[in-house]
N, C-alpha and C. Protein backbone atom coordinates (compact mmCIF):
# COMPACT_ATOMS: atom_id res chain seq x y z
N MET A 1 -25.97 -155.01 84.33
CA MET A 1 -26.18 -154.28 85.56
C MET A 1 -25.69 -155.13 86.72
N LEU A 2 -25.03 -154.50 87.64
CA LEU A 2 -24.58 -155.15 88.87
C LEU A 2 -25.31 -154.50 90.02
N THR A 3 -25.93 -155.33 90.85
CA THR A 3 -26.65 -154.82 92.01
C THR A 3 -26.10 -155.49 93.26
N VAL A 4 -25.72 -154.69 94.25
CA VAL A 4 -25.23 -155.19 95.52
C VAL A 4 -26.18 -154.67 96.60
N GLN A 5 -26.77 -155.58 97.36
CA GLN A 5 -27.64 -155.23 98.47
C GLN A 5 -27.05 -155.80 99.75
N MET A 6 -27.14 -155.05 100.82
CA MET A 6 -26.67 -155.51 102.13
C MET A 6 -27.70 -155.15 103.18
N ASN A 7 -27.82 -156.00 104.19
CA ASN A 7 -28.62 -155.56 105.32
C ASN A 7 -27.78 -154.58 106.12
N ASP A 8 -28.43 -153.86 107.03
CA ASP A 8 -27.74 -152.80 107.77
C ASP A 8 -26.55 -153.33 108.57
N THR A 9 -26.66 -154.54 109.13
CA THR A 9 -25.55 -155.05 109.95
C THR A 9 -24.33 -155.38 109.09
N ALA A 10 -24.55 -155.90 107.88
CA ALA A 10 -23.42 -156.16 106.98
C ALA A 10 -22.80 -154.85 106.51
N ALA A 11 -23.65 -153.88 106.16
CA ALA A 11 -23.14 -152.58 105.70
C ALA A 11 -22.32 -151.90 106.78
N ALA A 12 -22.77 -151.99 108.03
CA ALA A 12 -22.04 -151.37 109.13
C ALA A 12 -20.70 -152.07 109.36
N LEU A 13 -20.71 -153.40 109.35
CA LEU A 13 -19.47 -154.15 109.60
C LEU A 13 -18.44 -153.90 108.50
N LEU A 14 -18.88 -153.76 107.26
CA LEU A 14 -17.95 -153.52 106.14
C LEU A 14 -17.70 -152.05 105.88
N ASN A 15 -18.26 -151.18 106.71
CA ASN A 15 -18.12 -149.72 106.51
C ASN A 15 -18.57 -149.32 105.12
N ALA A 16 -19.63 -149.95 104.62
CA ALA A 16 -20.10 -149.70 103.26
C ALA A 16 -20.61 -148.28 103.07
N TRP A 17 -20.95 -147.61 104.15
CA TRP A 17 -21.45 -146.23 104.03
C TRP A 17 -20.35 -145.31 103.52
N THR A 18 -19.10 -145.72 103.64
CA THR A 18 -17.99 -144.89 103.17
C THR A 18 -17.37 -145.45 101.88
N GLY A 19 -17.94 -146.49 101.31
CA GLY A 19 -17.44 -147.07 100.07
C GLY A 19 -17.24 -148.56 100.21
N LEU A 20 -16.98 -149.24 99.11
CA LEU A 20 -16.84 -150.69 99.13
C LEU A 20 -15.38 -151.13 99.04
N ALA A 21 -14.50 -150.44 99.72
CA ALA A 21 -13.08 -150.82 99.73
C ALA A 21 -12.87 -152.27 100.18
N PRO A 22 -13.71 -152.85 101.06
CA PRO A 22 -13.47 -154.24 101.46
C PRO A 22 -13.54 -155.24 100.32
N THR A 23 -14.12 -154.86 99.15
CA THR A 23 -14.14 -155.79 98.03
C THR A 23 -12.76 -156.01 97.46
N ARG A 24 -11.85 -155.11 97.75
CA ARG A 24 -10.47 -155.26 97.32
C ARG A 24 -9.65 -155.67 98.54
N THR A 25 -9.77 -156.92 98.91
CA THR A 25 -9.05 -157.38 100.08
C THR A 25 -7.56 -157.28 99.82
N PRO A 26 -6.76 -156.96 100.84
CA PRO A 26 -5.32 -156.72 100.62
C PRO A 26 -4.60 -157.85 99.89
N GLN A 27 -4.95 -159.08 100.17
CA GLN A 27 -4.28 -160.20 99.52
C GLN A 27 -5.14 -160.81 98.41
N GLY A 28 -6.26 -160.20 98.06
CA GLY A 28 -7.18 -160.79 97.09
C GLY A 28 -7.90 -161.96 97.72
N LEU A 29 -8.44 -162.80 96.89
CA LEU A 29 -9.12 -163.99 97.40
C LEU A 29 -8.12 -164.91 98.07
N THR A 30 -8.55 -165.58 99.11
CA THR A 30 -7.68 -166.55 99.77
C THR A 30 -7.35 -167.68 98.80
N ALA A 31 -6.28 -168.38 99.07
CA ALA A 31 -5.86 -169.49 98.21
C ALA A 31 -6.98 -170.52 98.07
N GLY A 32 -7.68 -170.80 99.15
CA GLY A 32 -8.77 -171.77 99.10
C GLY A 32 -9.89 -171.36 98.16
N LEU A 33 -10.28 -170.08 98.20
CA LEU A 33 -11.33 -169.60 97.30
C LEU A 33 -10.84 -169.52 95.87
N ARG A 34 -9.59 -169.15 95.67
CA ARG A 34 -9.03 -169.15 94.30
C ARG A 34 -9.03 -170.56 93.74
N ASP A 35 -8.60 -171.53 94.56
CA ASP A 35 -8.58 -172.92 94.10
C ASP A 35 -9.98 -173.43 93.77
N LEU A 36 -10.95 -173.01 94.56
CA LEU A 36 -12.34 -173.44 94.36
C LEU A 36 -12.87 -172.98 93.00
N THR A 37 -12.41 -171.82 92.53
CA THR A 37 -12.95 -171.23 91.31
C THR A 37 -11.96 -171.21 90.15
N VAL A 38 -10.80 -171.86 90.31
CA VAL A 38 -9.74 -171.78 89.30
C VAL A 38 -10.21 -172.23 87.91
N ASN A 39 -11.11 -173.19 87.84
CA ASN A 39 -11.58 -173.69 86.55
C ASN A 39 -12.89 -173.03 86.11
N GLY A 40 -13.33 -172.03 86.86
CA GLY A 40 -14.48 -171.25 86.46
C GLY A 40 -15.82 -171.89 86.78
N ILE A 41 -16.82 -171.44 86.04
CA ILE A 41 -18.18 -171.96 86.18
C ILE A 41 -18.62 -172.50 84.84
N THR A 42 -19.65 -173.34 84.86
CA THR A 42 -20.15 -173.95 83.63
C THR A 42 -21.64 -174.22 83.78
N LEU A 43 -22.27 -174.46 82.66
CA LEU A 43 -23.66 -174.89 82.70
C LEU A 43 -23.69 -176.41 82.78
N HIS A 44 -24.54 -176.90 83.64
CA HIS A 44 -24.81 -178.33 83.78
C HIS A 44 -26.30 -178.47 83.52
N GLY A 45 -26.65 -178.77 82.30
CA GLY A 45 -28.04 -178.65 81.90
C GLY A 45 -28.38 -177.17 81.87
N ASP A 46 -29.42 -176.77 82.58
CA ASP A 46 -29.79 -175.35 82.66
C ASP A 46 -29.28 -174.71 83.94
N ALA A 47 -28.49 -175.44 84.70
CA ALA A 47 -27.99 -174.95 85.99
C ALA A 47 -26.55 -174.47 85.86
N VAL A 48 -26.21 -173.43 86.60
CA VAL A 48 -24.83 -172.96 86.65
C VAL A 48 -24.17 -173.56 87.89
N VAL A 49 -22.97 -174.10 87.70
CA VAL A 49 -22.22 -174.70 88.80
C VAL A 49 -20.74 -174.42 88.60
N LEU A 50 -19.98 -174.59 89.66
CA LEU A 50 -18.53 -174.54 89.52
C LEU A 50 -18.10 -175.68 88.60
N THR A 51 -17.16 -175.42 87.71
CA THR A 51 -16.73 -176.43 86.75
C THR A 51 -16.24 -177.69 87.46
N ASP A 52 -15.50 -177.54 88.54
CA ASP A 52 -15.02 -178.72 89.26
C ASP A 52 -16.16 -179.50 89.89
N THR A 53 -17.23 -178.84 90.28
CA THR A 53 -18.40 -179.52 90.84
C THR A 53 -19.11 -180.31 89.75
N ALA A 54 -19.22 -179.74 88.56
CA ALA A 54 -19.93 -180.39 87.45
C ALA A 54 -19.34 -181.76 87.13
N ARG A 55 -18.04 -181.89 87.33
CA ARG A 55 -17.38 -183.17 87.02
C ARG A 55 -17.86 -184.31 87.91
N HIS A 56 -18.45 -183.96 89.05
CA HIS A 56 -18.87 -184.97 90.01
C HIS A 56 -20.38 -185.16 90.06
N LEU A 57 -21.12 -184.41 89.27
CA LEU A 57 -22.57 -184.50 89.29
C LEU A 57 -23.05 -185.57 88.32
N ARG A 58 -24.03 -186.35 88.76
CA ARG A 58 -24.59 -187.38 87.90
C ARG A 58 -25.79 -186.86 87.11
N ASP A 59 -26.56 -185.96 87.72
CA ASP A 59 -27.74 -185.45 87.05
C ASP A 59 -27.95 -183.99 87.43
N THR A 60 -28.84 -183.36 86.72
CA THR A 60 -29.22 -181.99 87.04
C THR A 60 -30.52 -182.06 87.79
N GLY A 61 -30.58 -181.47 88.97
CA GLY A 61 -31.74 -181.47 89.83
C GLY A 61 -33.04 -181.31 89.08
N PRO A 62 -34.11 -180.98 89.70
CA PRO A 62 -34.11 -180.61 91.10
C PRO A 62 -34.21 -181.78 92.07
N GLY A 63 -34.46 -183.00 91.58
CA GLY A 63 -34.52 -184.14 92.51
C GLY A 63 -35.44 -183.85 93.65
N GLY A 64 -34.93 -183.90 94.89
CA GLY A 64 -35.73 -183.65 96.07
C GLY A 64 -35.91 -182.18 96.40
N PHE A 65 -35.39 -181.29 95.56
CA PHE A 65 -35.50 -179.85 95.79
C PHE A 65 -36.79 -179.32 95.16
N ILE A 66 -37.25 -178.18 95.65
CA ILE A 66 -38.50 -177.60 95.17
C ILE A 66 -38.41 -177.16 93.71
N ASP A 67 -37.23 -176.72 93.27
CA ASP A 67 -37.04 -176.29 91.89
C ASP A 67 -35.55 -176.25 91.57
N LEU A 68 -35.23 -175.93 90.33
CA LEU A 68 -33.84 -175.92 89.88
C LEU A 68 -33.01 -174.87 90.61
N THR A 69 -33.61 -173.73 90.95
CA THR A 69 -32.88 -172.69 91.69
C THR A 69 -32.47 -173.20 93.06
N ALA A 70 -33.36 -173.87 93.75
CA ALA A 70 -33.03 -174.43 95.06
C ALA A 70 -31.94 -175.50 94.91
N TRP A 71 -32.01 -176.30 93.85
CA TRP A 71 -30.99 -177.32 93.61
C TRP A 71 -29.63 -176.66 93.42
N GLU A 72 -29.59 -175.60 92.59
CA GLU A 72 -28.33 -174.89 92.37
C GLU A 72 -27.76 -174.37 93.69
N CYS A 73 -28.62 -173.78 94.52
CA CYS A 73 -28.15 -173.25 95.80
C CYS A 73 -27.60 -174.37 96.67
N GLY A 74 -28.21 -175.53 96.61
CA GLY A 74 -27.69 -176.66 97.38
C GLY A 74 -26.34 -177.13 96.88
N VAL A 75 -26.18 -177.21 95.57
CA VAL A 75 -24.93 -177.66 94.97
C VAL A 75 -23.83 -176.60 95.12
N ASN A 76 -24.23 -175.33 95.02
CA ASN A 76 -23.27 -174.22 95.03
C ASN A 76 -23.20 -173.54 96.39
N CYS A 77 -23.32 -174.27 97.45
CA CYS A 77 -23.29 -173.70 98.80
C CYS A 77 -22.12 -174.29 99.58
N PHE A 78 -21.41 -173.42 100.28
CA PHE A 78 -20.32 -173.89 101.13
C PHE A 78 -20.07 -172.90 102.25
N HIS A 79 -19.35 -173.36 103.25
CA HIS A 79 -19.00 -172.53 104.40
C HIS A 79 -17.72 -171.77 104.09
N LEU A 80 -17.77 -170.46 104.18
CA LEU A 80 -16.60 -169.63 103.90
C LEU A 80 -15.45 -169.90 104.86
N GLU A 81 -15.78 -170.21 106.11
CA GLU A 81 -14.71 -170.44 107.09
C GLU A 81 -13.86 -171.67 106.76
N ASP A 82 -14.35 -172.52 105.85
CA ASP A 82 -13.55 -173.65 105.39
C ASP A 82 -12.46 -173.22 104.42
N PHE A 83 -12.56 -172.00 103.87
CA PHE A 83 -11.64 -171.52 102.85
C PHE A 83 -10.94 -170.21 103.22
N VAL A 84 -11.41 -169.57 104.28
CA VAL A 84 -10.87 -168.28 104.71
C VAL A 84 -10.28 -168.48 106.11
N PRO A 85 -9.03 -168.09 106.33
CA PRO A 85 -8.41 -168.32 107.64
C PRO A 85 -8.97 -167.38 108.72
N VAL A 86 -9.96 -167.88 109.43
CA VAL A 86 -10.53 -167.16 110.57
C VAL A 86 -10.48 -168.08 111.79
N THR A 87 -10.58 -167.49 112.95
CA THR A 87 -10.59 -168.27 114.18
C THR A 87 -12.02 -168.67 114.50
N VAL A 88 -12.23 -169.96 114.68
CA VAL A 88 -13.55 -170.47 115.07
C VAL A 88 -13.37 -171.14 116.43
N GLU A 89 -13.82 -170.45 117.46
CA GLU A 89 -13.80 -171.03 118.79
C GLU A 89 -14.96 -172.01 118.91
N VAL A 90 -14.82 -173.01 119.74
CA VAL A 90 -15.90 -173.97 119.95
C VAL A 90 -16.24 -173.97 121.44
N LEU A 91 -17.50 -173.67 121.74
CA LEU A 91 -17.97 -173.66 123.12
C LEU A 91 -18.07 -175.08 123.66
N ASP A 92 -18.22 -175.21 124.96
CA ASP A 92 -18.32 -176.52 125.59
C ASP A 92 -19.46 -177.35 125.02
N ASP A 93 -20.54 -176.67 124.60
CA ASP A 93 -21.68 -177.39 124.04
C ASP A 93 -21.50 -177.73 122.56
N GLY A 94 -20.33 -177.39 121.99
CA GLY A 94 -20.04 -177.70 120.60
C GLY A 94 -20.40 -176.60 119.61
N GLU A 95 -21.00 -175.51 120.08
CA GLU A 95 -21.38 -174.43 119.17
C GLU A 95 -20.15 -173.63 118.75
N PRO A 96 -19.98 -173.44 117.44
CA PRO A 96 -18.87 -172.62 116.97
C PRO A 96 -19.15 -171.14 117.21
N VAL A 97 -18.10 -170.36 117.42
CA VAL A 97 -18.24 -168.92 117.63
C VAL A 97 -17.17 -168.20 116.80
N ILE A 98 -17.63 -167.26 115.98
CA ILE A 98 -16.73 -166.48 115.15
C ILE A 98 -16.84 -165.02 115.57
N ALA A 99 -15.72 -164.40 115.89
CA ALA A 99 -15.70 -163.01 116.34
C ALA A 99 -16.16 -162.08 115.22
N GLU A 100 -16.65 -160.91 115.62
CA GLU A 100 -17.17 -159.94 114.66
C GLU A 100 -16.14 -159.54 113.60
N ALA A 101 -14.90 -159.33 113.99
CA ALA A 101 -13.87 -158.97 113.01
C ALA A 101 -13.69 -160.07 111.96
N ASP A 102 -13.72 -161.33 112.39
CA ASP A 102 -13.59 -162.43 111.45
C ASP A 102 -14.85 -162.58 110.59
N GLN A 103 -16.01 -162.23 111.14
CA GLN A 103 -17.22 -162.21 110.32
C GLN A 103 -17.07 -161.18 109.20
N GLY A 104 -16.45 -160.05 109.52
CA GLY A 104 -16.19 -159.03 108.50
C GLY A 104 -15.27 -159.55 107.40
N LEU A 105 -14.25 -160.32 107.80
CA LEU A 105 -13.35 -160.92 106.81
C LEU A 105 -14.11 -161.92 105.93
N LEU A 106 -14.98 -162.72 106.53
CA LEU A 106 -15.79 -163.67 105.75
C LEU A 106 -16.67 -162.92 104.76
N LEU A 107 -17.30 -161.83 105.20
CA LEU A 107 -18.15 -161.04 104.31
C LEU A 107 -17.34 -160.42 103.17
N ALA A 108 -16.18 -159.86 103.50
CA ALA A 108 -15.35 -159.23 102.48
C ALA A 108 -14.88 -160.25 101.46
N GLN A 109 -14.44 -161.41 101.91
CA GLN A 109 -14.01 -162.46 100.99
C GLN A 109 -15.20 -162.98 100.18
N GLY A 110 -16.35 -163.14 100.83
CA GLY A 110 -17.55 -163.58 100.12
C GLY A 110 -17.99 -162.59 99.06
N LEU A 111 -17.91 -161.31 99.37
CA LEU A 111 -18.27 -160.27 98.40
C LEU A 111 -17.29 -160.28 97.23
N ALA A 112 -16.01 -160.38 97.50
CA ALA A 112 -15.01 -160.45 96.43
C ALA A 112 -15.24 -161.69 95.57
N LEU A 113 -15.55 -162.82 96.20
CA LEU A 113 -15.83 -164.04 95.45
C LEU A 113 -17.08 -163.88 94.60
N ALA A 114 -18.11 -163.25 95.15
CA ALA A 114 -19.35 -163.03 94.40
C ALA A 114 -19.08 -162.19 93.16
N LEU A 115 -18.31 -161.14 93.31
CA LEU A 115 -17.98 -160.30 92.16
C LEU A 115 -17.20 -161.10 91.11
N HIS A 116 -16.31 -161.97 91.57
CA HIS A 116 -15.54 -162.81 90.65
C HIS A 116 -16.46 -163.78 89.91
N ILE A 117 -17.36 -164.44 90.62
CA ILE A 117 -18.27 -165.40 89.98
C ILE A 117 -19.22 -164.68 89.03
N CYS A 118 -19.71 -163.52 89.43
CA CYS A 118 -20.58 -162.75 88.53
C CYS A 118 -19.82 -162.34 87.27
N HIS A 119 -18.55 -161.96 87.43
CA HIS A 119 -17.73 -161.62 86.27
C HIS A 119 -17.57 -162.83 85.35
N LEU A 120 -17.34 -164.00 85.93
CA LEU A 120 -17.24 -165.22 85.11
C LEU A 120 -18.54 -165.44 84.33
N GLY A 121 -19.67 -165.21 84.98
CA GLY A 121 -20.96 -165.37 84.31
C GLY A 121 -21.17 -164.38 83.19
N ARG A 122 -20.66 -163.17 83.36
CA ARG A 122 -20.79 -162.13 82.33
C ARG A 122 -19.80 -162.34 81.19
N SER A 123 -18.79 -163.19 81.41
CA SER A 123 -17.74 -163.40 80.40
C SER A 123 -18.12 -164.42 79.34
N VAL A 124 -19.20 -165.17 79.55
CA VAL A 124 -19.62 -166.16 78.55
C VAL A 124 -20.65 -165.54 77.62
N ASP A 125 -20.85 -166.17 76.48
CA ASP A 125 -21.83 -165.67 75.53
C ASP A 125 -22.86 -166.75 75.25
N PRO A 126 -24.11 -166.54 75.56
CA PRO A 126 -24.65 -165.31 76.16
C PRO A 126 -24.34 -165.25 77.66
N ALA A 127 -24.29 -164.03 78.16
CA ALA A 127 -23.96 -163.82 79.57
C ALA A 127 -25.00 -164.48 80.46
N LEU A 128 -24.53 -165.00 81.58
CA LEU A 128 -25.41 -165.63 82.57
C LEU A 128 -25.80 -164.61 83.62
N ARG A 129 -27.06 -164.56 83.95
CA ARG A 129 -27.54 -163.73 85.06
C ARG A 129 -27.40 -164.57 86.33
N ILE A 130 -26.58 -164.10 87.24
CA ILE A 130 -26.25 -164.88 88.44
C ILE A 130 -26.56 -164.06 89.69
N ARG A 131 -27.01 -164.77 90.73
CA ARG A 131 -27.21 -164.17 92.05
C ARG A 131 -26.33 -164.92 93.04
N CYS A 132 -25.55 -164.17 93.81
CA CYS A 132 -24.71 -164.73 94.88
C CYS A 132 -25.27 -164.23 96.21
N ILE A 133 -25.33 -165.11 97.17
CA ILE A 133 -25.83 -164.77 98.50
C ILE A 133 -24.74 -165.10 99.51
N VAL A 134 -24.32 -164.08 100.25
CA VAL A 134 -23.25 -164.21 101.24
C VAL A 134 -23.84 -163.88 102.59
N SER A 135 -23.52 -164.69 103.59
CA SER A 135 -23.97 -164.37 104.94
C SER A 135 -22.88 -164.73 105.94
N ALA A 136 -22.92 -164.03 107.06
CA ALA A 136 -22.01 -164.34 108.16
C ALA A 136 -22.76 -164.11 109.46
N SER A 137 -22.45 -164.93 110.42
CA SER A 137 -23.05 -164.80 111.75
C SER A 137 -22.01 -165.23 112.78
N THR A 138 -22.43 -165.31 114.00
CA THR A 138 -21.50 -165.71 115.06
C THR A 138 -21.09 -167.17 114.94
N THR A 139 -21.82 -167.98 114.13
CA THR A 139 -21.50 -169.40 114.05
C THR A 139 -20.86 -169.83 112.73
N ASN A 140 -21.07 -169.07 111.64
CA ASN A 140 -20.48 -169.47 110.36
C ASN A 140 -20.65 -168.38 109.32
N GLY A 141 -20.06 -168.62 108.17
CA GLY A 141 -20.25 -167.78 107.00
C GLY A 141 -20.61 -168.70 105.85
N THR A 142 -21.61 -168.32 105.06
CA THR A 142 -22.00 -169.16 103.93
C THR A 142 -21.98 -168.37 102.63
N PHE A 143 -21.78 -169.09 101.56
CA PHE A 143 -21.78 -168.54 100.21
C PHE A 143 -22.58 -169.50 99.35
N ARG A 144 -23.46 -168.96 98.52
CA ARG A 144 -24.18 -169.79 97.56
C ARG A 144 -24.52 -168.93 96.34
N PHE A 145 -24.73 -169.58 95.22
CA PHE A 145 -25.10 -168.84 94.02
C PHE A 145 -26.00 -169.67 93.14
N HIS A 146 -26.76 -168.96 92.27
CA HIS A 146 -27.67 -169.61 91.33
C HIS A 146 -27.95 -168.67 90.17
N ARG A 147 -28.51 -169.22 89.11
CA ARG A 147 -28.96 -168.40 88.00
C ARG A 147 -30.20 -167.63 88.45
N ILE A 148 -30.34 -166.43 87.94
CA ILE A 148 -31.53 -165.64 88.23
C ILE A 148 -32.64 -166.11 87.30
N ARG A 149 -33.76 -166.50 87.90
CA ARG A 149 -34.93 -166.94 87.14
C ARG A 149 -36.15 -166.18 87.64
N ALA A 150 -37.03 -165.83 86.75
CA ALA A 150 -38.24 -165.10 87.12
C ALA A 150 -39.03 -165.88 88.17
N GLY A 151 -39.39 -165.20 89.24
CA GLY A 151 -40.22 -165.81 90.28
C GLY A 151 -39.49 -166.73 91.23
N ARG A 152 -38.18 -166.86 91.09
CA ARG A 152 -37.41 -167.77 91.95
C ARG A 152 -36.38 -166.97 92.72
N GLN A 153 -36.37 -167.16 94.02
CA GLN A 153 -35.46 -166.40 94.87
C GLN A 153 -35.18 -167.24 96.11
N GLN A 154 -33.95 -167.29 96.53
CA GLN A 154 -33.57 -168.10 97.68
C GLN A 154 -33.24 -167.26 98.91
N HIS A 155 -33.84 -166.07 98.98
CA HIS A 155 -33.65 -165.21 100.14
C HIS A 155 -34.88 -164.31 100.27
N HIS A 156 -35.08 -163.76 101.44
CA HIS A 156 -36.18 -162.81 101.63
C HIS A 156 -35.74 -161.47 101.05
N PRO A 157 -36.62 -160.79 100.31
CA PRO A 157 -36.21 -159.52 99.68
C PRO A 157 -35.85 -158.42 100.67
N ASP A 158 -36.38 -158.47 101.87
CA ASP A 158 -36.02 -157.49 102.90
C ASP A 158 -34.88 -158.07 103.72
N LEU A 159 -33.66 -157.75 103.34
CA LEU A 159 -32.49 -158.34 104.00
C LEU A 159 -32.40 -157.98 105.47
N ASP A 160 -33.00 -156.87 105.88
CA ASP A 160 -32.96 -156.51 107.30
C ASP A 160 -33.81 -157.43 108.17
N ARG A 161 -34.60 -158.30 107.56
CA ARG A 161 -35.34 -159.32 108.33
C ARG A 161 -34.40 -160.38 108.90
N TYR A 162 -33.21 -160.48 108.33
CA TYR A 162 -32.20 -161.42 108.83
C TYR A 162 -31.51 -160.74 110.02
N THR A 163 -32.05 -160.94 111.19
CA THR A 163 -31.54 -160.24 112.36
C THR A 163 -30.32 -160.91 112.97
N LEU A 164 -30.11 -162.18 112.71
CA LEU A 164 -28.96 -162.88 113.27
C LEU A 164 -27.81 -163.00 112.28
N GLU A 165 -28.04 -162.62 111.04
CA GLU A 165 -27.02 -162.75 110.01
C GLU A 165 -26.74 -161.41 109.34
N LYS A 166 -25.51 -161.25 108.93
CA LYS A 166 -25.13 -160.14 108.07
C LYS A 166 -25.26 -160.69 106.66
N MET A 167 -26.06 -160.03 105.82
CA MET A 167 -26.41 -160.57 104.49
C MET A 167 -25.99 -159.63 103.37
N ILE A 168 -25.49 -160.23 102.29
CA ILE A 168 -25.18 -159.51 101.07
C ILE A 168 -25.75 -160.33 99.91
N VAL A 169 -26.43 -159.66 98.99
CA VAL A 169 -26.95 -160.30 97.78
C VAL A 169 -26.42 -159.52 96.58
N ILE A 170 -25.78 -160.22 95.67
CA ILE A 170 -25.19 -159.61 94.48
C ILE A 170 -25.86 -160.23 93.26
N ASP A 171 -26.40 -159.38 92.39
CA ASP A 171 -27.06 -159.83 91.16
C ASP A 171 -26.35 -159.23 89.96
N THR A 172 -26.32 -160.00 88.85
CA THR A 172 -25.91 -159.46 87.57
C THR A 172 -27.10 -159.55 86.64
N GLY A 173 -27.19 -158.59 85.75
CA GLY A 173 -28.29 -158.56 84.80
C GLY A 173 -29.33 -157.54 85.22
N SER A 174 -30.22 -157.27 84.31
CA SER A 174 -31.27 -156.30 84.57
C SER A 174 -32.33 -156.90 85.47
N PRO A 175 -32.75 -156.22 86.56
CA PRO A 175 -33.77 -156.77 87.44
C PRO A 175 -35.11 -156.95 86.75
N SER A 176 -35.35 -156.24 85.65
CA SER A 176 -36.64 -156.35 84.98
C SER A 176 -36.64 -157.42 83.90
N SER A 177 -35.47 -157.94 83.54
CA SER A 177 -35.46 -158.95 82.47
C SER A 177 -35.55 -160.35 83.00
């Protein structure tokens, strides 16, 4: 099962009410995102990580994190604007500013990446249940992912509570399992 949830601001920006055409970005994933995932994902202990990240890890969390899910989110988190060509203006006080149209591009690329990572997780045997969390705001876009574990969640279930961020959560696997 594939589940895609968006808060209202993300759905409006991506025109999701008329379909999910933004998941098929005209050029596909940017070169930076393709390079990031070219070697796929792997298990590092009981944690799922990008294969290239696993090569640099010394241990499997959670270390200073509350649990393994939080550790995964920390290891598997990055700023989309580092990999997607958008304009980031910088105010005099140093605050970055990303225009709404570029936030839409970050969300579309993040959603396409999430679907790709979820597909990678479903391609192994046994299939991995993965959750990807994509957000964009006026200051940045973030992407993170983790294995789905009972009772563990790295976001608020009511995505509309995120009033400053456009949020998308993509899950693979049955929500009841």
